[in-house]
Amino acid sequence: MKRPILIHPDPRLKKVADAVPDISDELRALADDMLETMYAAPGIGLAAPQVGIGRRLIVLDCIKEEGAEPRPLAMFNPVVVACSDERNVYEEGCLSIPEIYADVERPAEVTVEWVDRDGAAQRETFDGLWATCVQHEIDHLDGKLFIDYLRPLKRQMITRKMVKLKRELAREKA
């Protein structure tokens, strides 16, 4: 089931998400809903706070090549346990900040530990777009948005645009 995505500014996007104590059928269904929502948007990552759920759950799939096999990942309680000194700059966007993009610098490679949908501990090292995406989504779990890496003036400008967009969307629904 597709879920509505919260648009910045929304106080729920700035809250630190709670740890997932154990993997339930309800949480597996949430992960499936989030993947469906992410693919439909379309996006490459989505965090539970973006659909109004304050839990440490992210989904991602950075396979973008035409005809390539998708690789959907659901990560419960993901944590970056190591990162490279080397840095990368990617132009990032966010489903909660539609049609806004900005260059963000992050570690080029990260090792992440998480619990999968079956309750098994996982560990993997990501680089390139995958590294950027997983860091971006984990930031959401800590109440941080990619625009928080930008200069204050640019951040304020983007926030004003989003307030205007939310007003327009509310008018369309009324």
N, C-alpha and C. Protein backbone atom coordinates (compact mmCIF):
# COMPACT_ATOMS: atom_id res chain seq x y z
N MET A 1 0.84 -1.18 0.00
CA MET A 1 0.00 0.00 0.00
C MET A 1 0.89 1.24 0.00
N LYS A 2 0.64 2.11 -0.97
CA LYS A 2 1.39 3.37 -1.02
C LYS A 2 0.98 4.25 0.15
N ARG A 3 1.97 4.93 0.72
CA ARG A 3 1.71 5.82 1.85
C ARG A 3 2.06 7.25 1.46
N PRO A 4 1.38 8.23 2.06
CA PRO A 4 1.74 9.63 1.78
C PRO A 4 3.10 9.97 2.40
N ILE A 5 3.88 10.75 1.66
CA ILE A 5 5.21 11.16 2.11
C ILE A 5 5.11 12.56 2.71
N LEU A 6 5.65 12.72 3.91
CA LEU A 6 5.64 14.03 4.57
C LEU A 6 6.54 15.00 3.81
N ILE A 7 6.10 16.25 3.74
CA ILE A 7 6.88 17.30 3.08
C ILE A 7 7.46 18.23 4.15
N HIS A 8 8.73 18.56 4.00
CA HIS A 8 9.42 19.53 4.88
C HIS A 8 8.77 20.90 4.71
N PRO A 9 8.60 21.73 5.73
CA PRO A 9 8.91 21.45 7.12
C PRO A 9 7.76 20.71 7.81
N ASP A 10 8.09 19.65 8.50
CA ASP A 10 7.14 18.90 9.31
C ASP A 10 7.92 18.45 10.54
N PRO A 11 7.41 18.72 11.73
CA PRO A 11 8.19 18.41 12.94
C PRO A 11 8.56 16.92 13.06
N ARG A 12 7.77 16.04 12.46
CA ARG A 12 8.07 14.61 12.53
C ARG A 12 9.36 14.26 11.80
N LEU A 13 9.75 15.09 10.82
CA LEU A 13 10.99 14.84 10.07
C LEU A 13 12.23 15.23 10.87
N LYS A 14 12.05 15.98 11.95
CA LYS A 14 13.18 16.45 12.74
C LYS A 14 13.36 15.66 14.04
N LYS A 15 12.49 14.66 14.26
CA LYS A 15 12.58 13.85 15.48
C LYS A 15 13.51 12.66 15.26
N VAL A 16 14.20 12.26 16.33
CA VAL A 16 15.03 11.06 16.28
C VAL A 16 14.09 9.85 16.40
N ALA A 17 14.24 8.91 15.49
CA ALA A 17 13.37 7.73 15.44
C ALA A 17 13.77 6.73 16.53
N ASP A 18 12.77 5.99 17.01
CA ASP A 18 12.99 4.97 18.04
C ASP A 18 13.51 3.68 17.42
N ALA A 19 14.34 2.98 18.18
CA ALA A 19 14.85 1.68 17.74
C ALA A 19 13.70 0.69 17.58
N VAL A 20 13.89 -0.25 16.67
CA VAL A 20 12.92 -1.32 16.46
C VAL A 20 13.32 -2.46 17.41
N PRO A 21 12.47 -2.79 18.42
CA PRO A 21 12.87 -3.82 19.38
C PRO A 21 12.90 -5.22 18.78
N ASP A 22 11.94 -5.55 17.95
CA ASP A 22 11.95 -6.84 17.25
C ASP A 22 11.15 -6.72 15.96
N ILE A 23 11.44 -7.61 15.04
CA ILE A 23 10.82 -7.54 13.71
C ILE A 23 9.49 -8.30 13.76
N SER A 24 8.41 -7.57 13.50
CA SER A 24 7.07 -8.16 13.51
C SER A 24 6.52 -8.19 12.09
N ASP A 25 5.42 -8.92 11.90
CA ASP A 25 4.75 -8.92 10.59
C ASP A 25 4.31 -7.51 10.23
N GLU A 26 3.89 -6.75 11.23
CA GLU A 26 3.45 -5.36 10.99
C GLU A 26 4.60 -4.52 10.44
N LEU A 27 5.81 -4.71 11.00
CA LEU A 27 6.97 -3.95 10.52
C LEU A 27 7.42 -4.42 9.15
N ARG A 28 7.31 -5.73 8.87
CA ARG A 28 7.65 -6.24 7.53
C ARG A 28 6.67 -5.64 6.51
N ALA A 29 5.39 -5.54 6.88
CA ALA A 29 4.38 -4.93 5.99
C ALA A 29 4.69 -3.45 5.77
N LEU A 30 5.14 -2.76 6.83
CA LEU A 30 5.54 -1.36 6.70
C LEU A 30 6.70 -1.25 5.71
N ALA A 31 7.69 -2.13 5.82
CA ALA A 31 8.84 -2.11 4.90
C ALA A 31 8.36 -2.31 3.46
N ASP A 32 7.43 -3.25 3.25
CA ASP A 32 6.88 -3.48 1.90
C ASP A 32 6.15 -2.25 1.39
N ASP A 33 5.34 -1.62 2.26
CA ASP A 33 4.62 -0.39 1.89
C ASP A 33 5.61 0.72 1.52
N MET A 34 6.69 0.82 2.30
CA MET A 34 7.68 1.86 2.04
C MET A 34 8.39 1.63 0.71
N LEU A 35 8.70 0.38 0.39
CA LEU A 35 9.32 0.08 -0.91
C LEU A 35 8.37 0.45 -2.04
N GLU A 36 7.10 0.08 -1.91
CA GLU A 36 6.11 0.42 -2.94
C GLU A 36 6.01 1.94 -3.11
N THR A 37 5.99 2.65 -1.98
CA THR A 37 5.90 4.12 -1.99
C THR A 37 7.14 4.72 -2.66
N MET A 38 8.32 4.19 -2.30
CA MET A 38 9.59 4.69 -2.85
C MET A 38 9.65 4.49 -4.36
N TYR A 39 9.32 3.27 -4.82
CA TYR A 39 9.37 2.99 -6.26
C TYR A 39 8.37 3.87 -7.02
N ALA A 40 7.20 4.09 -6.45
CA ALA A 40 6.16 4.87 -7.12
C ALA A 40 6.52 6.35 -7.21
N ALA A 41 7.35 6.83 -6.28
CA ALA A 41 7.60 8.28 -6.17
C ALA A 41 8.17 8.96 -7.42
N PRO A 42 9.16 8.52 -8.14
CA PRO A 42 10.09 7.44 -7.87
C PRO A 42 11.29 7.95 -7.08
N GLY A 43 11.85 7.06 -6.24
CA GLY A 43 13.03 7.40 -5.46
C GLY A 43 13.92 6.20 -5.31
N ILE A 44 15.07 6.41 -4.63
CA ILE A 44 16.00 5.30 -4.40
C ILE A 44 16.14 4.98 -2.91
N GLY A 45 15.49 5.75 -2.05
CA GLY A 45 15.53 5.50 -0.62
C GLY A 45 14.37 6.17 0.07
N LEU A 46 13.98 5.61 1.23
CA LEU A 46 12.90 6.18 2.02
C LEU A 46 13.09 5.73 3.46
N ALA A 47 12.88 6.65 4.39
CA ALA A 47 12.99 6.34 5.82
C ALA A 47 11.60 6.41 6.45
N ALA A 48 11.37 5.56 7.46
CA ALA A 48 10.06 5.50 8.11
C ALA A 48 9.56 6.88 8.57
N PRO A 49 10.41 7.77 9.13
CA PRO A 49 9.89 9.08 9.52
C PRO A 49 9.26 9.87 8.35
N GLN A 50 9.69 9.58 7.12
CA GLN A 50 9.13 10.28 5.97
C GLN A 50 7.68 9.89 5.68
N VAL A 51 7.25 8.75 6.23
CA VAL A 51 5.84 8.35 6.10
C VAL A 51 5.14 8.46 7.46
N GLY A 52 5.75 9.25 8.35
CA GLY A 52 5.12 9.56 9.64
C GLY A 52 5.28 8.49 10.71
N ILE A 53 6.21 7.55 10.51
CA ILE A 53 6.43 6.48 11.48
C ILE A 53 7.79 6.71 12.14
N GLY A 54 7.81 6.92 13.43
CA GLY A 54 9.05 7.23 14.16
C GLY A 54 9.83 6.00 14.56
N ARG A 55 10.16 5.15 13.61
CA ARG A 55 10.93 3.92 13.85
C ARG A 55 12.19 3.92 12.99
N ARG A 56 13.23 3.22 13.47
CA ARG A 56 14.50 3.16 12.75
C ARG A 56 14.42 2.08 11.67
N LEU A 57 13.82 2.46 10.57
CA LEU A 57 13.66 1.58 9.40
C LEU A 57 13.88 2.41 8.15
N ILE A 58 14.74 1.91 7.27
CA ILE A 58 14.93 2.54 5.95
C ILE A 58 14.81 1.47 4.88
N VAL A 59 14.43 1.91 3.69
CA VAL A 59 14.45 1.04 2.52
C VAL A 59 15.22 1.76 1.43
N LEU A 60 15.91 0.97 0.59
CA LEU A 60 16.63 1.58 -0.52
C LEU A 60 16.83 0.57 -1.64
N ASP A 61 17.02 1.11 -2.82
CA ASP A 61 17.36 0.32 -4.00
C ASP A 61 17.99 1.29 -4.99
N CYS A 62 19.31 1.22 -5.11
CA CYS A 62 20.04 2.17 -5.95
C CYS A 62 20.34 1.62 -7.34
N ILE A 63 19.72 0.50 -7.71
CA ILE A 63 19.90 -0.04 -9.06
C ILE A 63 19.04 0.79 -10.01
N LYS A 64 19.69 1.49 -10.94
CA LYS A 64 18.95 2.38 -11.83
C LYS A 64 19.08 1.99 -13.30
N GLU A 65 19.98 1.04 -13.61
CA GLU A 65 20.20 0.67 -15.00
C GLU A 65 18.97 -0.03 -15.56
N GLU A 66 18.61 0.35 -16.77
CA GLU A 66 17.47 -0.26 -17.47
C GLU A 66 17.68 -1.76 -17.60
N GLY A 67 16.68 -2.54 -17.18
CA GLY A 67 16.74 -3.98 -17.33
C GLY A 67 17.54 -4.70 -16.25
N ALA A 68 18.19 -3.95 -15.35
CA ALA A 68 18.97 -4.57 -14.28
C ALA A 68 18.03 -5.09 -13.19
N GLU A 69 18.46 -6.14 -12.54
CA GLU A 69 17.67 -6.75 -11.47
C GLU A 69 17.61 -5.79 -10.27
N PRO A 70 16.41 -5.44 -9.78
CA PRO A 70 16.34 -4.56 -8.61
C PRO A 70 16.97 -5.22 -7.38
N ARG A 71 17.40 -4.39 -6.44
CA ARG A 71 17.97 -4.92 -5.20
C ARG A 71 17.35 -4.17 -4.01
N PRO A 72 16.08 -4.44 -3.72
CA PRO A 72 15.44 -3.75 -2.60
C PRO A 72 16.01 -4.21 -1.27
N LEU A 73 16.38 -3.25 -0.43
CA LEU A 73 16.88 -3.55 0.91
C LEU A 73 15.98 -2.89 1.94
N ALA A 74 15.64 -3.63 2.99
CA ALA A 74 14.96 -3.06 4.15
C ALA A 74 15.92 -3.22 5.32
N MET A 75 16.24 -2.11 5.97
CA MET A 75 17.20 -2.12 7.07
C MET A 75 16.54 -1.63 8.35
N PHE A 76 16.50 -2.50 9.34
CA PHE A 76 15.99 -2.13 10.66
C PHE A 76 17.18 -1.80 11.55
N ASN A 77 17.10 -0.68 12.26
CA ASN A 77 18.16 -0.21 13.16
C ASN A 77 19.53 -0.13 12.48
N PRO A 78 19.60 0.49 11.28
CA PRO A 78 20.91 0.58 10.60
C PRO A 78 21.85 1.54 11.33
N VAL A 79 23.13 1.17 11.35
CA VAL A 79 24.16 1.99 11.99
C VAL A 79 25.41 1.97 11.11
N VAL A 80 25.97 3.15 10.88
CA VAL A 80 27.26 3.23 10.19
C VAL A 80 28.34 2.90 11.22
N VAL A 81 29.08 1.81 10.97
CA VAL A 81 30.11 1.38 11.93
C VAL A 81 31.52 1.76 11.48
N ALA A 82 31.67 2.14 10.21
CA ALA A 82 32.98 2.59 9.72
C ALA A 82 32.75 3.43 8.47
N CYS A 83 33.63 4.41 8.27
CA CYS A 83 33.55 5.20 7.03
C CYS A 83 34.96 5.58 6.59
N SER A 84 35.07 5.75 5.29
CA SER A 84 36.37 6.07 4.70
C SER A 84 36.74 7.52 4.95
N ASP A 85 38.05 7.79 4.90
CA ASP A 85 38.52 9.18 4.97
C ASP A 85 38.21 9.89 3.65
N GLU A 86 38.21 9.10 2.56
CA GLU A 86 37.92 9.67 1.25
C GLU A 86 36.48 10.17 1.23
N ARG A 87 36.26 11.30 0.56
CA ARG A 87 34.94 11.92 0.52
C ARG A 87 34.44 11.93 -0.93
N ASN A 88 33.13 11.95 -1.07
CA ASN A 88 32.47 12.08 -2.37
C ASN A 88 31.44 13.19 -2.30
N VAL A 89 31.20 13.85 -3.41
CA VAL A 89 30.13 14.84 -3.49
C VAL A 89 29.11 14.32 -4.49
N TYR A 90 27.87 14.23 -4.05
CA TYR A 90 26.76 13.83 -4.91
C TYR A 90 25.69 14.90 -4.86
N GLU A 91 25.02 15.07 -5.97
CA GLU A 91 23.85 15.94 -5.97
C GLU A 91 22.69 15.13 -5.38
N GLU A 92 22.24 15.55 -4.19
CA GLU A 92 21.19 14.81 -3.50
C GLU A 92 19.85 15.49 -3.65
N GLY A 93 18.82 14.67 -3.60
CA GLY A 93 17.45 15.13 -3.55
C GLY A 93 16.75 14.35 -2.46
N CYS A 94 15.49 14.65 -2.22
CA CYS A 94 14.76 13.98 -1.15
C CYS A 94 13.28 13.99 -1.47
N LEU A 95 12.61 12.85 -1.24
CA LEU A 95 11.18 12.77 -1.51
C LEU A 95 10.38 13.70 -0.59
N SER A 96 10.96 14.11 0.55
CA SER A 96 10.29 15.04 1.45
C SER A 96 10.60 16.50 1.11
N ILE A 97 11.48 16.70 0.13
CA ILE A 97 11.82 18.06 -0.35
C ILE A 97 11.80 17.98 -1.87
N PRO A 98 10.60 17.83 -2.46
CA PRO A 98 10.51 17.55 -3.90
C PRO A 98 11.12 18.62 -4.79
N GLU A 99 11.78 18.14 -5.84
CA GLU A 99 12.33 18.97 -6.92
C GLU A 99 13.42 19.93 -6.48
N ILE A 100 14.04 19.66 -5.33
CA ILE A 100 15.17 20.46 -4.85
C ILE A 100 16.38 19.53 -4.80
N TYR A 101 17.50 20.00 -5.34
CA TYR A 101 18.72 19.20 -5.38
C TYR A 101 19.90 20.08 -4.96
N ALA A 102 20.87 19.48 -4.28
CA ALA A 102 22.07 20.22 -3.88
C ALA A 102 23.21 19.25 -3.67
N ASP A 103 24.43 19.74 -3.90
CA ASP A 103 25.62 18.92 -3.68
C ASP A 103 25.87 18.78 -2.19
N VAL A 104 26.08 17.53 -1.76
CA VAL A 104 26.39 17.22 -0.36
C VAL A 104 27.64 16.35 -0.35
N GLU A 105 28.56 16.68 0.54
CA GLU A 105 29.78 15.89 0.68
C GLU A 105 29.63 14.92 1.85
N ARG A 106 29.95 13.66 1.59
CA ARG A 106 29.86 12.61 2.61
C ARG A 106 31.04 11.65 2.42
N PRO A 107 31.27 10.76 3.41
CA PRO A 107 32.28 9.72 3.21
C PRO A 107 31.97 8.90 1.95
N ALA A 108 33.00 8.56 1.19
CA ALA A 108 32.83 7.85 -0.08
C ALA A 108 32.42 6.40 0.13
N GLU A 109 32.81 5.84 1.28
CA GLU A 109 32.51 4.43 1.55
C GLU A 109 32.11 4.30 3.02
N VAL A 110 31.08 3.51 3.28
CA VAL A 110 30.64 3.27 4.66
C VAL A 110 30.32 1.79 4.86
N THR A 111 30.57 1.33 6.06
CA THR A 111 30.16 -0.01 6.45
C THR A 111 28.97 0.14 7.39
N VAL A 112 27.91 -0.58 7.08
CA VAL A 112 26.65 -0.46 7.82
C VAL A 112 26.27 -1.82 8.39
N GLU A 113 25.81 -1.79 9.64
CA GLU A 113 25.23 -2.98 10.26
C GLU A 113 23.75 -2.73 10.47
N TRP A 114 22.93 -3.75 10.24
CA TRP A 114 21.48 -3.63 10.42
C TRP A 114 20.89 -5.01 10.64
N VAL A 115 19.59 -5.01 10.95
CA VAL A 115 18.84 -6.25 11.08
C VAL A 115 17.92 -6.32 9.87
N ASP A 116 17.89 -7.48 9.20
CA ASP A 116 17.04 -7.61 8.02
C ASP A 116 15.61 -8.02 8.41
N ARG A 117 14.76 -8.17 7.41
CA ARG A 117 13.33 -8.45 7.66
C ARG A 117 13.09 -9.79 8.33
N ASP A 118 14.10 -10.68 8.31
CA ASP A 118 13.98 -11.97 8.98
C ASP A 118 14.58 -11.95 10.38
N GLY A 119 15.07 -10.79 10.80
CA GLY A 119 15.66 -10.68 12.14
C GLY A 119 17.14 -11.04 12.19
N ALA A 120 17.76 -11.26 11.04
CA ALA A 120 19.18 -11.64 10.99
C ALA A 120 20.06 -10.40 10.91
N ALA A 121 21.18 -10.43 11.65
CA ALA A 121 22.15 -9.34 11.62
C ALA A 121 22.86 -9.34 10.26
N GLN A 122 23.03 -8.15 9.70
CA GLN A 122 23.70 -7.99 8.40
C GLN A 122 24.78 -6.94 8.53
N ARG A 123 25.79 -7.04 7.67
CA ARG A 123 26.87 -6.05 7.63
C ARG A 123 27.34 -5.99 6.18
N GLU A 124 27.46 -4.78 5.66
CA GLU A 124 27.91 -4.62 4.28
C GLU A 124 28.61 -3.28 4.13
N THR A 125 29.58 -3.24 3.22
CA THR A 125 30.26 -1.99 2.89
C THR A 125 29.69 -1.48 1.57
N PHE A 126 29.31 -0.21 1.58
CA PHE A 126 28.71 0.43 0.42
C PHE A 126 29.62 1.54 -0.08
N ASP A 127 29.62 1.75 -1.42
CA ASP A 127 30.33 2.89 -1.98
C ASP A 127 29.46 3.53 -3.06
N GLY A 128 29.97 4.61 -3.63
CA GLY A 128 29.24 5.30 -4.70
C GLY A 128 27.86 5.77 -4.25
N LEU A 129 26.89 5.63 -5.15
CA LEU A 129 25.53 6.08 -4.88
C LEU A 129 24.93 5.36 -3.67
N TRP A 130 25.22 4.07 -3.52
CA TRP A 130 24.71 3.30 -2.38
C TRP A 130 25.17 3.91 -1.06
N ALA A 131 26.44 4.32 -0.98
CA ALA A 131 26.97 4.91 0.26
C ALA A 131 26.27 6.23 0.56
N THR A 132 26.09 7.04 -0.46
CA THR A 132 25.40 8.32 -0.27
C THR A 132 23.97 8.08 0.19
N CYS A 133 23.27 7.18 -0.48
CA CYS A 133 21.87 6.92 -0.18
C CYS A 133 21.68 6.39 1.24
N VAL A 134 22.49 5.41 1.64
CA VAL A 134 22.30 4.83 2.97
C VAL A 134 22.59 5.87 4.06
N GLN A 135 23.59 6.74 3.83
CA GLN A 135 23.88 7.80 4.81
C GLN A 135 22.74 8.81 4.87
N HIS A 136 22.20 9.17 3.71
CA HIS A 136 21.08 10.11 3.62
C HIS A 136 19.89 9.56 4.41
N GLU A 137 19.57 8.28 4.21
CA GLU A 137 18.41 7.68 4.88
C GLU A 137 18.63 7.53 6.38
N ILE A 138 19.84 7.13 6.78
CA ILE A 138 20.13 7.03 8.22
C ILE A 138 20.04 8.41 8.86
N ASP A 139 20.46 9.46 8.15
CA ASP A 139 20.29 10.83 8.66
C ASP A 139 18.83 11.10 9.01
N HIS A 140 17.90 10.65 8.15
CA HIS A 140 16.47 10.84 8.44
C HIS A 140 16.10 10.25 9.79
N LEU A 141 16.70 9.11 10.14
CA LEU A 141 16.38 8.46 11.42
C LEU A 141 16.86 9.30 12.60
N ASP A 142 17.83 10.17 12.34
CA ASP A 142 18.38 11.04 13.37
C ASP A 142 17.81 12.46 13.29
N GLY A 143 16.74 12.63 12.50
CA GLY A 143 16.09 13.93 12.39
C GLY A 143 16.87 14.94 11.57
N LYS A 144 17.72 14.44 10.68
CA LYS A 144 18.56 15.32 9.87
C LYS A 144 18.19 15.19 8.39
N LEU A 145 18.10 16.33 7.71
CA LEU A 145 17.78 16.38 6.29
C LEU A 145 19.02 16.79 5.50
N PHE A 146 19.06 16.46 4.21
CA PHE A 146 20.25 16.81 3.43
C PHE A 146 20.47 18.31 3.37
N ILE A 147 19.40 19.09 3.49
CA ILE A 147 19.57 20.55 3.46
C ILE A 147 20.26 21.08 4.72
N ASP A 148 20.32 20.26 5.77
CA ASP A 148 21.02 20.67 6.99
C ASP A 148 22.53 20.78 6.74
N TYR A 149 23.02 20.21 5.64
CA TYR A 149 24.43 20.32 5.27
C TYR A 149 24.72 21.60 4.49
N LEU A 150 23.68 22.32 4.12
CA LEU A 150 23.84 23.51 3.28
C LEU A 150 24.01 24.76 4.15
N ARG A 151 24.42 25.85 3.49
CA ARG A 151 24.54 27.12 4.20
C ARG A 151 23.15 27.59 4.66
N PRO A 152 23.10 28.31 5.80
CA PRO A 152 21.80 28.72 6.36
C PRO A 152 20.91 29.46 5.37
N LEU A 153 21.46 30.37 4.58
CA LEU A 153 20.64 31.14 3.65
C LEU A 153 19.97 30.24 2.62
N LYS A 154 20.73 29.31 2.06
CA LYS A 154 20.19 28.38 1.06
C LYS A 154 19.11 27.49 1.71
N ARG A 155 19.38 27.03 2.93
CA ARG A 155 18.44 26.18 3.67
C ARG A 155 17.12 26.94 3.90
N GLN A 156 17.21 28.21 4.31
CA GLN A 156 16.01 29.03 4.55
C GLN A 156 15.21 29.22 3.26
N MET A 157 15.93 29.44 2.16
CA MET A 157 15.28 29.63 0.87
C MET A 157 14.49 28.37 0.48
N ILE A 158 15.12 27.21 0.66
CA ILE A 158 14.47 25.94 0.33
C ILE A 158 13.26 25.72 1.24
N THR A 159 13.40 26.01 2.52
CA THR A 159 12.29 25.83 3.46
C THR A 159 11.11 26.72 3.06
N ARG A 160 11.40 27.96 2.67
CA ARG A 160 10.30 28.85 2.22
C ARG A 160 9.59 28.28 1.00
N LYS A 161 10.36 27.72 0.05
CA LYS A 161 9.76 27.10 -1.14
C LYS A 161 8.85 25.94 -0.74
N MET A 162 9.28 25.14 0.24
CA MET A 162 8.49 23.98 0.68
C MET A 162 7.22 24.42 1.40
N VAL A 163 7.30 25.50 2.19
CA VAL A 163 6.10 26.03 2.86
C VAL A 163 5.09 26.46 1.80
N LYS A 164 5.57 27.13 0.76
CA LYS A 164 4.70 27.57 -0.33
C LYS A 164 4.08 26.37 -1.04
N LEU A 165 4.90 25.33 -1.31
CA LEU A 165 4.41 24.12 -1.97
C LEU A 165 3.33 23.45 -1.12
N LYS A 166 3.55 23.35 0.18
CA LYS A 166 2.57 22.72 1.07
C LYS A 166 1.25 23.49 1.06
N ARG A 167 1.33 24.83 1.02
CA ARG A 167 0.11 25.66 0.94
C ARG A 167 -0.64 25.37 -0.35
N GLU A 168 0.11 25.30 -1.46
CA GLU A 168 -0.51 25.02 -2.76
C GLU A 168 -1.17 23.65 -2.77
N LEU A 169 -0.49 22.64 -2.22
CA LEU A 169 -1.05 21.29 -2.18
C LEU A 169 -2.31 21.24 -1.30
N ALA A 170 -2.29 21.98 -0.19
CA ALA A 170 -3.47 22.02 0.69
C ALA A 170 -4.64 22.66 -0.03
N ARG A 171 -4.37 23.72 -0.81
CA ARG A 171 -5.44 24.39 -1.57
C ARG A 171 -6.05 23.46 -2.60
N GLU A 172 -5.18 22.65 -3.26
CA GLU A 172 -5.66 21.72 -4.28
C GLU A 172 -6.59 20.65 -3.67
N LYS A 173 -6.29 20.24 -2.44
CA LYS A 173 -7.09 19.22 -1.76
C LYS A 173 -8.42 19.78 -1.26
N ALA A 174 -8.44 21.07 -0.95
CA ALA A 174 -9.65 21.69 -0.37
C ALA A 174 -10.78 21.81 -1.38
